[in-house]
């Protein structure tokens, strides 16, 4: 998968720099990576699955 053009961001609640980064700007995919290892592996999610994950974790 071509990651060129991915716009990475971290949570606004992240304060220590040890978190995940998410790119949601590419069509049909949400990308997730470790902020401490930006050249490391990237997880890919279907946007619907990512939204469901976020909704389920908001209350925890």
PDB file of N, CA and C in Angstrom:
ATOM      1  N   UNK A   1       0.845  -1.183   0.000  1.00  0.00           N
ATOM      2  CA  UNK A   1       0.000   0.000   0.000  1.00  0.00           C
ATOM      3  C   UNK A   1       0.886   1.240   0.000  1.00  0.00           C
ATOM      4  N   UNK A   2       0.512   2.191  -0.810  1.00  0.00           N
ATOM      5  CA  UNK A   2       1.241   3.448  -0.913  1.00  0.00           C
ATOM      6  C   UNK A   2       0.788   4.391   0.199  1.00  0.00           C
ATOM      7  N   UNK A   3       1.734   4.802   1.046  1.00  0.00           N
ATOM      8  CA  UNK A   3       1.413   5.663   2.182  1.00  0.00           C
ATOM      9  C   UNK A   3       1.717   7.135   1.907  1.00  0.00           C
ATOM     10  N   UNK A   4       2.248   7.430   0.723  1.00  0.00           N
ATOM     11  CA  UNK A   4       2.537   8.809   0.382  1.00  0.00           C
ATOM     12  C   UNK A   4       1.257   9.623   0.440  1.00  0.00           C
ATOM     13  N   UNK A   5       1.313  10.732   1.111  1.00  0.00           N
ATOM     14  CA  UNK A   5       0.144  11.589   1.237  1.00  0.00           C
ATOM     15  C   UNK A   5      -0.636  11.366   2.516  1.00  0.00           C
ATOM     16  N   UNK A   6      -0.244  10.354   3.303  1.00  0.00           N
ATOM     17  CA  UNK A   6      -0.934  10.126   4.579  1.00  0.00           C
ATOM     18  C   UNK A   6      -0.646  11.298   5.502  1.00  0.00           C
ATOM     19  N   UNK A   7      -1.690  11.831   6.087  1.00  0.00           N
ATOM     20  CA  UNK A   7      -1.572  12.952   7.022  1.00  0.00           C
ATOM     21  C   UNK A   7      -1.762  12.401   8.432  1.00  0.00           C
ATOM     22  N   UNK A   8      -0.658  12.216   9.139  1.00  0.00           N
ATOM     23  CA  UNK A   8      -0.664  11.583  10.461  1.00  0.00           C
ATOM     24  C   UNK A   8      -0.978  12.580  11.559  1.00  0.00           C
ATOM     25  N   UNK A   9      -1.746  12.129  12.557  1.00  0.00           N
ATOM     26  CA  UNK A   9      -2.015  12.961  13.727  1.00  0.00           C
ATOM     27  C   UNK A   9      -2.133  12.076  14.960  1.00  0.00           C
ATOM     28  N   UNK A  10      -1.920  12.664  16.113  1.00  0.00           N
ATOM     29  CA  UNK A  10      -2.078  11.962  17.386  1.00  0.00           C
ATOM     30  C   UNK A  10      -3.305  12.517  18.094  1.00  0.00           C
ATOM     31  N   UNK A  11      -3.729  11.832  19.111  1.00  0.00           N
ATOM     32  CA  UNK A  11      -4.881  12.266  19.890  1.00  0.00           C
ATOM     33  C   UNK A  11      -4.573  13.582  20.590  1.00  0.00           C
ATOM     34  N   UNK A  12      -5.576  14.403  20.725  1.00  0.00           N
ATOM     35  CA  UNK A  12      -5.403  15.650  21.476  1.00  0.00           C
ATOM     36  C   UNK A  12      -5.177  15.361  22.959  1.00  0.00           C
ATOM     37  N   UNK A  13      -5.504  14.165  23.396  1.00  0.00           N
ATOM     38  CA  UNK A  13      -5.297  13.775  24.795  1.00  0.00           C
ATOM     39  C   UNK A  13      -3.914  13.197  25.045  1.00  0.00           C
ATOM     40  N   UNK A  14      -3.136  13.035  24.006  1.00  0.00           N
ATOM     41  CA  UNK A  14      -1.793  12.479  24.149  1.00  0.00           C
ATOM     42  C   UNK A  14      -0.842  13.575  24.602  1.00  0.00           C
ATOM     43  N   UNK A  15      -0.192  13.354  25.719  1.00  0.00           N
ATOM     44  CA  UNK A  15       0.707  14.380  26.224  1.00  0.00           C
ATOM     45  C   UNK A  15       2.150  13.937  26.326  1.00  0.00           C
ATOM     46  N   UNK A  16       2.398  12.635  26.348  1.00  0.00           N
ATOM     47  CA  UNK A  16       3.758  12.164  26.575  1.00  0.00           C
ATOM     48  C   UNK A  16       4.463  11.696  25.314  1.00  0.00           C
ATOM     49  N   UNK A  17       3.812  11.730  24.181  1.00  0.00           N
ATOM     50  CA  UNK A  17       4.451  11.343  22.933  1.00  0.00           C
ATOM     51  C   UNK A  17       4.528   9.848  22.697  1.00  0.00           C
ATOM     52  N   UNK A  18       4.047   9.056  23.621  1.00  0.00           N
ATOM     53  CA  UNK A  18       4.069   7.608  23.457  1.00  0.00           C
ATOM     54  C   UNK A  18       2.652   7.132  23.169  1.00  0.00           C
ATOM     55  N   UNK A  19       2.291   7.227  21.913  1.00  0.00           N
ATOM     56  CA  UNK A  19       0.920   6.910  21.539  1.00  0.00           C
ATOM     57  C   UNK A  19       0.888   6.419  20.102  1.00  0.00           C
ATOM     58  N   UNK A  20      -0.285   6.290  19.578  1.00  0.00           N
ATOM     59  CA  UNK A  20      -0.437   5.921  18.180  1.00  0.00           C
ATOM     60  C   UNK A  20      -0.721   7.162  17.355  1.00  0.00           C
ATOM     61  N   UNK A  21      -0.391   7.065  16.085  1.00  0.00           N
ATOM     62  CA  UNK A  21      -0.727   8.108  15.124  1.00  0.00           C
ATOM     63  C   UNK A  21      -1.723   7.507  14.142  1.00  0.00           C
ATOM     64  N   UNK A  22      -2.641   8.327  13.685  1.00  0.00           N
ATOM     65  CA  UNK A  22      -3.692   7.878  12.786  1.00  0.00           C
ATOM     66  C   UNK A  22      -3.701   8.769  11.549  1.00  0.00           C
ATOM     67  N   UNK A  23      -3.893   8.141  10.397  1.00  0.00           N
ATOM     68  CA  UNK A  23      -4.080   8.877   9.144  1.00  0.00           C
ATOM     69  C   UNK A  23      -5.431   8.467   8.586  1.00  0.00           C
ATOM     70  N   UNK A  24      -6.317   9.436   8.433  1.00  0.00           N
ATOM     71  CA  UNK A  24      -7.681   9.160   7.957  1.00  0.00           C
ATOM     72  C   UNK A  24      -7.986   9.866   6.640  1.00  0.00           C
ATOM     73  N   UNK A  25      -6.967  10.380   5.990  1.00  0.00           N
ATOM     74  CA  UNK A  25      -7.213  11.192   4.801  1.00  0.00           C
ATOM     75  C   UNK A  25      -7.102  10.438   3.481  1.00  0.00           C
ATOM     76  N   UNK A  26      -6.721   9.171   3.503  1.00  0.00           N
ATOM     77  CA  UNK A  26      -6.624   8.411   2.256  1.00  0.00           C
ATOM     78  C   UNK A  26      -7.952   7.692   1.999  1.00  0.00           C
ATOM     79  N   UNK A  27      -8.380   7.603   0.754  1.00  0.00           N
ATOM     80  CA  UNK A  27      -9.686   7.029   0.456  1.00  0.00           C
ATOM     81  C   UNK A  27      -9.776   5.541   0.815  1.00  0.00           C
ATOM     82  N   UNK A  28     -10.837   5.191   1.550  1.00  0.00           N
ATOM     83  CA  UNK A  28     -11.141   3.801   1.824  1.00  0.00           C
ATOM     84  C   UNK A  28     -10.308   3.090   2.859  1.00  0.00           C
ATOM     85  N   UNK A  29      -9.478   3.830   3.600  1.00  0.00           N
ATOM     86  CA  UNK A  29      -8.600   3.181   4.570  1.00  0.00           C
ATOM     87  C   UNK A  29      -8.248   4.138   5.705  1.00  0.00           C
ATOM     88  N   UNK A  30      -8.079   3.575   6.899  1.00  0.00           N
ATOM     89  CA  UNK A  30      -7.551   4.318   8.040  1.00  0.00           C
ATOM     90  C   UNK A  30      -6.252   3.619   8.430  1.00  0.00           C
ATOM     91  N   UNK A  31      -5.194   4.387   8.580  1.00  0.00           N
ATOM     92  CA  UNK A  31      -3.875   3.850   8.911  1.00  0.00           C
ATOM     93  C   UNK A  31      -3.534   4.177  10.355  1.00  0.00           C
ATOM     94  N   UNK A  32      -2.861   3.241  11.037  1.00  0.00           N
ATOM     95  CA  UNK A  32      -2.462   3.435  12.429  1.00  0.00           C
ATOM     96  C   UNK A  32      -1.030   2.953  12.579  1.00  0.00           C
ATOM     97  N   UNK A  33      -0.201   3.772  13.279  1.00  0.00           N
ATOM     98  CA  UNK A  33       1.187   3.389  13.522  1.00  0.00           C
ATOM     99  C   UNK A  33       1.629   3.865  14.900  1.00  0.00           C
ATOM    100  N   UNK A  34       2.735   3.335  15.364  1.00  0.00           N
ATOM    101  CA  UNK A  34       3.337   3.710  16.640  1.00  0.00           C
ATOM    102  C   UNK A  34       4.082   5.029  16.455  1.00  0.00           C
ATOM    103  N   UNK A  35       3.767   6.025  17.251  1.00  0.00           N
ATOM    104  CA  UNK A  35       4.403   7.337  17.101  1.00  0.00           C
ATOM    105  C   UNK A  35       5.900   7.292  17.379  1.00  0.00           C
ATOM    106  N   UNK A  36       6.358   6.315  18.162  1.00  0.00           N
ATOM    107  CA  UNK A  36       7.788   6.196  18.466  1.00  0.00           C
ATOM    108  C   UNK A  36       8.564   5.523  17.338  1.00  0.00           C
ATOM    109  N   UNK A  37       7.858   4.908  16.397  1.00  0.00           N
ATOM    110  CA  UNK A  37       8.496   4.185  15.293  1.00  0.00           C
ATOM    111  C   UNK A  37       7.775   4.483  13.984  1.00  0.00           C
ATOM    112  N   UNK A  38       7.859   5.722  13.507  1.00  0.00           N
ATOM    113  CA  UNK A  38       7.084   6.108  12.319  1.00  0.00           C
ATOM    114  C   UNK A  38       7.462   5.362  11.042  1.00  0.00           C
ATOM    115  N   UNK A  39       8.627   4.755  11.000  1.00  0.00           N
ATOM    116  CA  UNK A  39       8.995   3.985   9.808  1.00  0.00           C
ATOM    117  C   UNK A  39       8.692   2.498   9.988  1.00  0.00           C
ATOM    118  N   UNK A  40       8.095   2.147  11.116  1.00  0.00           N
ATOM    119  CA  UNK A  40       7.760   0.752  11.406  1.00  0.00           C
ATOM    120  C   UNK A  40       6.465   0.323  10.747  1.00  0.00           C
ATOM    121  N   UNK A  41       5.914  -0.785  11.218  1.00  0.00           N
ATOM    122  CA  UNK A  41       4.700  -1.327  10.606  1.00  0.00           C
ATOM    123  C   UNK A  41       3.492  -0.403  10.758  1.00  0.00           C
ATOM    124  N   UNK A  42       2.587  -0.534   9.819  1.00  0.00           N
ATOM    125  CA  UNK A  42       1.356   0.260   9.796  1.00  0.00           C
ATOM    126  C   UNK A  42       0.176  -0.704   9.735  1.00  0.00           C
ATOM    127  N   UNK A  43      -0.792  -0.506  10.605  1.00  0.00           N
ATOM    128  CA  UNK A  43      -2.032  -1.282  10.570  1.00  0.00           C
ATOM    129  C   UNK A  43      -3.021  -0.559   9.672  1.00  0.00           C
ATOM    130  N   UNK A  44      -3.802  -1.305   8.930  1.00  0.00           N
ATOM    131  CA  UNK A  44      -4.830  -0.709   8.071  1.00  0.00           C
ATOM    132  C   UNK A  44      -6.202  -1.191   8.510  1.00  0.00           C
ATOM    133  N   UNK A  45      -7.155  -0.278   8.495  1.00  0.00           N
ATOM    134  CA  UNK A  45      -8.520  -0.576   8.906  1.00  0.00           C
ATOM    135  C   UNK A  45      -9.502  -0.049   7.870  1.00  0.00           C
ATOM    136  N   UNK A  46     -10.587  -0.748   7.731  1.00  0.00           N
ATOM    137  CA  UNK A  46     -11.712  -0.238   6.971  1.00  0.00           C
ATOM    138  C   UNK A  46     -12.278   0.938   7.779  1.00  0.00           C
ATOM    139  N   UNK A  47     -12.640   2.048   7.150  1.00  0.00           N
ATOM    140  CA  UNK A  47     -13.142   3.200   7.903  1.00  0.00           C
ATOM    141  C   UNK A  47     -14.341   2.879   8.808  1.00  0.00           C
ATOM    142  N   UNK A  48     -15.238   2.000   8.372  1.00  0.00           N
ATOM    143  CA  UNK A  48     -16.381   1.629   9.222  1.00  0.00           C
ATOM    144  C   UNK A  48     -15.919   0.881  10.467  1.00  0.00           C
ATOM    145  N   UNK A  49     -14.959  -0.006  10.309  1.00  0.00           N
ATOM    146  CA  UNK A  49     -14.426  -0.756  11.451  1.00  0.00           C
ATOM    147  C   UNK A  49     -13.714   0.187  12.417  1.00  0.00           C
ATOM    148  N   UNK A  50     -12.990   1.159  11.882  1.00  0.00           N
ATOM    149  CA  UNK A  50     -12.281   2.122  12.736  1.00  0.00           C
ATOM    150  C   UNK A  50     -13.276   2.956  13.541  1.00  0.00           C
ATOM    151  N   UNK A  51     -14.334   3.448  12.889  1.00  0.00           N
ATOM    152  CA  UNK A  51     -15.344   4.231  13.598  1.00  0.00           C
ATOM    153  C   UNK A  51     -16.006   3.405  14.696  1.00  0.00           C
ATOM    154  N   UNK A  52     -16.296   2.147  14.403  1.00  0.00           N
ATOM    155  CA  UNK A  52     -16.897   1.268  15.409  1.00  0.00           C
ATOM    156  C   UNK A  52     -15.950   1.077  16.592  1.00  0.00           C
ATOM    157  N   UNK A  53     -14.673   0.901  16.319  1.00  0.00           N
ATOM    158  CA  UNK A  53     -13.673   0.763  17.387  1.00  0.00           C
ATOM    159  C   UNK A  53     -13.640   2.008  18.265  1.00  0.00           C
ATOM    160  N   UNK A  54     -13.598   3.174  17.640  1.00  0.00           N
ATOM    161  CA  UNK A  54     -13.549   4.432  18.381  1.00  0.00           C
ATOM    162  C   UNK A  54     -14.809   4.594  19.234  1.00  0.00           C
ATOM    163  N   UNK A  55     -15.959   4.322  18.670  1.00  0.00           N
ATOM    164  CA  UNK A  55     -17.213   4.455  19.427  1.00  0.00           C
ATOM    165  C   UNK A  55     -17.241   3.522  20.628  1.00  0.00           C
ATOM    166  N   UNK A  56     -16.748   2.305  20.469  1.00  0.00           N
ATOM    167  CA  UNK A  56     -16.778   1.342  21.566  1.00  0.00           C
ATOM    168  C   UNK A  56     -15.770   1.683  22.657  1.00  0.00           C
ATOM    169  N   UNK A  57     -14.704   2.388  22.311  1.00  0.00           N
ATOM    170  CA  UNK A  57     -13.697   2.711  23.320  1.00  0.00           C
ATOM    171  C   UNK A  57     -13.929   4.052  24.000  1.00  0.00           C
ATOM    172  N   UNK A  58     -14.807   4.871  23.494  1.00  0.00           N
ATOM    173  CA  UNK A  58     -15.042   6.192  24.079  1.00  0.00           C
ATOM    174  C   UNK A  58     -15.500   6.122  25.527  1.00  0.00           C
ATOM    175  N   UNK A  59     -16.271   5.147  25.879  1.00  0.00           N
ATOM    176  CA  UNK A  59     -16.799   5.054  27.242  1.00  0.00           C
ATOM    177  C   UNK A  59     -15.864   4.383  28.235  1.00  0.00           C
ATOM    178  N   UNK A  60     -14.691   3.968  27.793  1.00  0.00           N
ATOM    179  CA  UNK A  60     -13.791   3.210  28.680  1.00  0.00           C
ATOM    180  C   UNK A  60     -12.585   4.011  29.101  1.00  0.00           C
TER     181      UNK A  60
END
